[in-house]
Amino acid sequence: MKWNQQELNQTLMEYEVAADDVLNSDYSLFDSNLKRFLHLLKNNPYMLYVNEVVLPDVDFIQWYEDACKTVKSMVGSGTLDWPPDRRENLSMQLALLKHMEEGRVDPPKLCSKFMYAGKYLDDCVSKVND
């Protein structure tokens, strides 16, 4: 891949805006902002390169199943044991976001299993984004 500095700068700006939109979402905007963010990651050639070449493959399903086994009777009692390797950690976080977008992981259920955020959905989204 030939790197063009102007295109790369534009991509980084778009990434920053899309990521900030997800991080600052309330419940009503989280899904649409997440879709836009992941669309950028899946369709931009620079982001595709990072996803396909730089980041390692991870077994999200096994990791999530193991995490779900840590959930006890109290809300938010489960543990998300993120990989210590920075690139694996990022890959796992991206896999979680993709599973959310596809509806295979529900953010409020994720929150109730692994975080305590109170009864408001906006608080749940805020906790997920932390």
C-alpha atoms as a PDB file:
ATOM      1  CA  MET A   1       0.000   0.000   0.000  1.00  0.00           C
ATOM      2  CA  LYS A   2       1.330   3.411  -0.960  1.00  0.00           C
ATOM      3  CA  TRP A   3       0.828   5.924   1.837  1.00  0.00           C
ATOM      4  CA  ASN A   4      -0.427   9.385   0.917  1.00  0.00           C
ATOM      5  CA  GLN A   5       0.130  11.867   3.741  1.00  0.00           C
ATOM      6  CA  GLN A   6      -2.902  14.005   2.902  1.00  0.00           C
ATOM      7  CA  GLU A   7      -5.227  10.982   2.738  1.00  0.00           C
ATOM      8  CA  LEU A   8      -3.736   9.586   5.939  1.00  0.00           C
ATOM      9  CA  ASN A   9      -4.283  12.897   7.742  1.00  0.00           C
ATOM     10  CA  GLN A  10      -7.880  12.969   6.498  1.00  0.00           C
ATOM     11  CA  THR A  11      -8.399   9.394   7.690  1.00  0.00           C
ATOM     12  CA  LEU A  12      -7.000  10.202  11.130  1.00  0.00           C
ATOM     13  CA  MET A  13      -9.290  13.227  11.405  1.00  0.00           C
ATOM     14  CA  GLU A  14     -12.331  11.157  10.378  1.00  0.00           C
ATOM     15  CA  TYR A  15     -11.309   8.436  12.844  1.00  0.00           C
ATOM     16  CA  GLU A  16     -10.974  10.936  15.682  1.00  0.00           C
ATOM     17  CA  VAL A  17     -14.377  12.500  14.968  1.00  0.00           C
ATOM     18  CA  ALA A  18     -16.123   9.123  14.648  1.00  0.00           C
ATOM     19  CA  ALA A  19     -14.462   7.749  17.795  1.00  0.00           C
ATOM     20  CA  ASP A  20     -15.380  10.880  19.770  1.00  0.00           C
ATOM     21  CA  ASP A  21     -18.969  10.579  18.583  1.00  0.00           C
ATOM     22  CA  VAL A  22     -19.147   7.021  19.912  1.00  0.00           C
ATOM     23  CA  LEU A  23     -17.477   7.960  23.197  1.00  0.00           C
ATOM     24  CA  ASN A  24     -19.828  10.903  23.724  1.00  0.00           C
ATOM     25  CA  SER A  25     -22.993   9.069  22.665  1.00  0.00           C
ATOM     26  CA  ASP A  26     -26.069   8.791  24.757  1.00  0.00           C
ATOM     27  CA  TYR A  27     -28.193   5.665  24.447  1.00  0.00           C
ATOM     28  CA  SER A  28     -30.297   7.041  21.579  1.00  0.00           C
ATOM     29  CA  LEU A  29     -27.232   7.774  19.402  1.00  0.00           C
ATOM     30  CA  PHE A  30     -24.880   4.964  20.372  1.00  0.00           C
ATOM     31  CA  ASP A  31     -25.966   2.460  17.683  1.00  0.00           C
ATOM     32  CA  SER A  32     -25.835   4.909  14.789  1.00  0.00           C
ATOM     33  CA  ASN A  33     -22.498   6.384  15.906  1.00  0.00           C
ATOM     34  CA  LEU A  34     -21.057   2.908  16.383  1.00  0.00           C
ATOM     35  CA  LYS A  35     -22.191   1.884  12.880  1.00  0.00           C
ATOM     36  CA  ARG A  36     -20.558   4.975  11.370  1.00  0.00           C
ATOM     37  CA  PHE A  37     -17.317   4.340  13.287  1.00  0.00           C
ATOM     38  CA  LEU A  38     -17.134   0.696  12.227  1.00  0.00           C
ATOM     39  CA  HIS A  39     -18.041   1.614   8.637  1.00  0.00           C
ATOM     40  CA  LEU A  40     -14.928   3.790   8.582  1.00  0.00           C
ATOM     41  CA  LEU A  41     -12.796   0.952   9.954  1.00  0.00           C
ATOM     42  CA  LYS A  42     -14.168  -1.527   7.402  1.00  0.00           C
ATOM     43  CA  ASN A  43     -14.094   0.706   4.325  1.00  0.00           C
ATOM     44  CA  ASN A  44     -11.131   3.034   4.608  1.00  0.00           C
ATOM     45  CA  PRO A  45      -7.989   1.522   3.039  1.00  0.00           C
ATOM     46  CA  TYR A  46      -5.709   2.774   5.826  1.00  0.00           C
ATOM     47  CA  MET A  47      -7.981   1.421   8.540  1.00  0.00           C
ATOM     48  CA  LEU A  48      -8.342  -1.862   6.647  1.00  0.00           C
ATOM     49  CA  TYR A  49      -4.568  -2.175   6.561  1.00  0.00           C
ATOM     50  CA  VAL A  50      -4.368  -1.719  10.336  1.00  0.00           C
ATOM     51  CA  ASN A  51      -7.206  -4.204  10.915  1.00  0.00           C
ATOM     52  CA  GLU A  52      -5.928  -6.844   8.524  1.00  0.00           C
ATOM     53  CA  VAL A  53      -2.146  -6.530   8.778  1.00  0.00           C
ATOM     54  CA  VAL A  54      -1.173  -4.832  12.023  1.00  0.00           C
ATOM     55  CA  LEU A  55      -3.739  -6.195  14.487  1.00  0.00           C
ATOM     56  CA  PRO A  56      -3.698  -9.900  15.386  1.00  0.00           C
ATOM     57  CA  ASP A  57      -6.690 -12.227  15.154  1.00  0.00           C
ATOM     58  CA  VAL A  58      -8.353 -12.905  18.495  1.00  0.00           C
ATOM     59  CA  ASP A  59     -10.905 -15.456  19.643  1.00  0.00           C
ATOM     60  CA  PHE A  60     -13.584 -13.069  20.866  1.00  0.00           C
ATOM     61  CA  ILE A  61     -16.255 -15.719  21.332  1.00  0.00           C
ATOM     62  CA  GLN A  62     -14.083 -17.818  23.673  1.00  0.00           C
ATOM     63  CA  TRP A  63     -12.904 -14.713  25.525  1.00  0.00           C
ATOM     64  CA  TYR A  64     -16.484 -13.480  26.003  1.00  0.00           C
ATOM     65  CA  GLU A  65     -17.741 -16.911  27.088  1.00  0.00           C
ATOM     66  CA  ASP A  66     -14.918 -17.077  29.658  1.00  0.00           C
ATOM     67  CA  ALA A  67     -15.817 -13.589  30.883  1.00  0.00           C
ATOM     68  CA  CYS A  68     -19.500 -14.528  31.213  1.00  0.00           C
ATOM     69  CA  LYS A  69     -18.488 -17.429  33.465  1.00  0.00           C
ATOM     70  CA  THR A  70     -17.180 -14.877  35.994  1.00  0.00           C
ATOM     71  CA  VAL A  71     -20.605 -13.244  36.425  1.00  0.00           C
ATOM     72  CA  LYS A  72     -22.066 -13.796  39.889  1.00  0.00           C
ATOM     73  CA  SER A  73     -25.493 -12.909  41.268  1.00  0.00           C
ATOM     74  CA  MET A  74     -24.747  -9.203  41.740  1.00  0.00           C
ATOM     75  CA  VAL A  75     -25.134  -6.711  38.909  1.00  0.00           C
ATOM     76  CA  GLY A  76     -21.781  -5.806  37.416  1.00  0.00           C
ATOM     77  CA  SER A  77     -19.927  -8.625  39.170  1.00  0.00           C
ATOM     78  CA  GLY A  78     -18.308 -10.157  36.087  1.00  0.00           C
ATOM     79  CA  THR A  79     -14.737  -9.528  35.007  1.00  0.00           C
ATOM     80  CA  LEU A  80     -13.565  -8.570  31.540  1.00  0.00           C
ATOM     81  CA  ASP A  81      -9.996  -9.862  31.464  1.00  0.00           C
ATOM     82  CA  TRP A  82      -8.492  -7.835  28.630  1.00  0.00           C
ATOM     83  CA  PRO A  83      -5.358  -9.193  26.943  1.00  0.00           C
ATOM     84  CA  PRO A  84      -2.188  -7.517  28.282  1.00  0.00           C
ATOM     85  CA  ASP A  85      -0.667  -7.152  24.803  1.00  0.00           C
ATOM     86  CA  ARG A  86      -1.648  -3.745  23.436  1.00  0.00           C
ATOM     87  CA  ARG A  87      -2.461  -4.937  19.914  1.00  0.00           C
ATOM     88  CA  GLU A  88      -4.421  -7.974  21.145  1.00  0.00           C
ATOM     89  CA  ASN A  89      -6.287  -5.702  23.549  1.00  0.00           C
ATOM     90  CA  LEU A  90      -7.250  -3.353  20.718  1.00  0.00           C
ATOM     91  CA  SER A  91      -8.301  -6.301  18.538  1.00  0.00           C
ATOM     92  CA  MET A  92     -10.498  -7.629  21.341  1.00  0.00           C
ATOM     93  CA  GLN A  93     -12.091  -4.208  21.902  1.00  0.00           C
ATOM     94  CA  LEU A  94     -12.811  -3.887  18.186  1.00  0.00           C
ATOM     95  CA  ALA A  95     -14.296  -7.388  18.164  1.00  0.00           C
ATOM     96  CA  LEU A  96     -16.562  -6.391  21.051  1.00  0.00           C
ATOM     97  CA  LEU A  97     -17.736  -3.317  19.141  1.00  0.00           C
ATOM     98  CA  LYS A  98     -18.378  -5.404  16.020  1.00  0.00           C
ATOM     99  CA  HIS A  99     -20.422  -7.888  18.052  1.00  0.00           C
ATOM    100  CA  MET A 100     -22.414  -4.977  19.489  1.00  0.00           C
ATOM    101  CA  GLU A 101     -23.079  -3.609  16.019  1.00  0.00           C
ATOM    102  CA  GLU A 102     -24.215  -7.042  14.810  1.00  0.00           C
ATOM    103  CA  GLY A 103     -26.548  -7.407  17.797  1.00  0.00           C
ATOM    104  CA  ARG A 104     -24.671 -10.389  19.238  1.00  0.00           C
ATOM    105  CA  VAL A 105     -23.687  -8.419  22.356  1.00  0.00           C
ATOM    106  CA  ASP A 106     -26.293  -6.089  23.824  1.00  0.00           C
ATOM    107  CA  PRO A 107     -24.714  -3.017  25.529  1.00  0.00           C
ATOM    108  CA  PRO A 108     -27.229  -2.900  28.429  1.00  0.00           C
ATOM    109  CA  LYS A 109     -26.720  -6.626  29.092  1.00  0.00           C
ATOM    110  CA  LEU A 110     -22.950  -6.203  28.856  1.00  0.00           C
ATOM    111  CA  CYS A 111     -23.233  -3.397  31.363  1.00  0.00           C
ATOM    112  CA  SER A 112     -25.363  -5.388  33.785  1.00  0.00           C
ATOM    113  CA  LYS A 113     -22.942  -8.314  33.630  1.00  0.00           C
ATOM    114  CA  PHE A 114     -19.654  -6.435  33.971  1.00  0.00           C
ATOM    115  CA  MET A 115     -20.328  -2.883  35.238  1.00  0.00           C
ATOM    116  CA  TYR A 116     -22.710  -1.214  37.609  1.00  0.00           C
ATOM    117  CA  ALA A 117     -24.182   1.894  36.047  1.00  0.00           C
ATOM    118  CA  GLY A 118     -27.516   2.385  37.768  1.00  0.00           C
ATOM    119  CA  LYS A 119     -30.902   2.205  36.128  1.00  0.00           C
ATOM    120  CA  TYR A 120     -30.517   4.688  33.270  1.00  0.00           C
ATOM    121  CA  LEU A 121     -29.480   3.493  29.800  1.00  0.00           C
ATOM    122  CA  ASP A 122     -27.401   6.618  29.158  1.00  0.00           C
ATOM    123  CA  ASP A 123     -25.332   5.755  32.245  1.00  0.00           C
ATOM    124  CA  CYS A 124     -24.875   2.249  30.871  1.00  0.00           C
ATOM    125  CA  VAL A 125     -23.574   3.575  27.538  1.00  0.00           C
ATOM    126  CA  SER A 126     -21.244   5.902  29.429  1.00  0.00           C
ATOM    127  CA  LYS A 127     -19.851   2.950  31.422  1.00  0.00           C
ATOM    128  CA  VAL A 128     -19.396   0.838  28.297  1.00  0.00           C
ATOM    129  CA  ASN A 129     -17.488   3.717  26.709  1.00  0.00           C
ATOM    130  CA  ASP A 130     -15.193   4.052  29.716  1.00  0.00           C
END
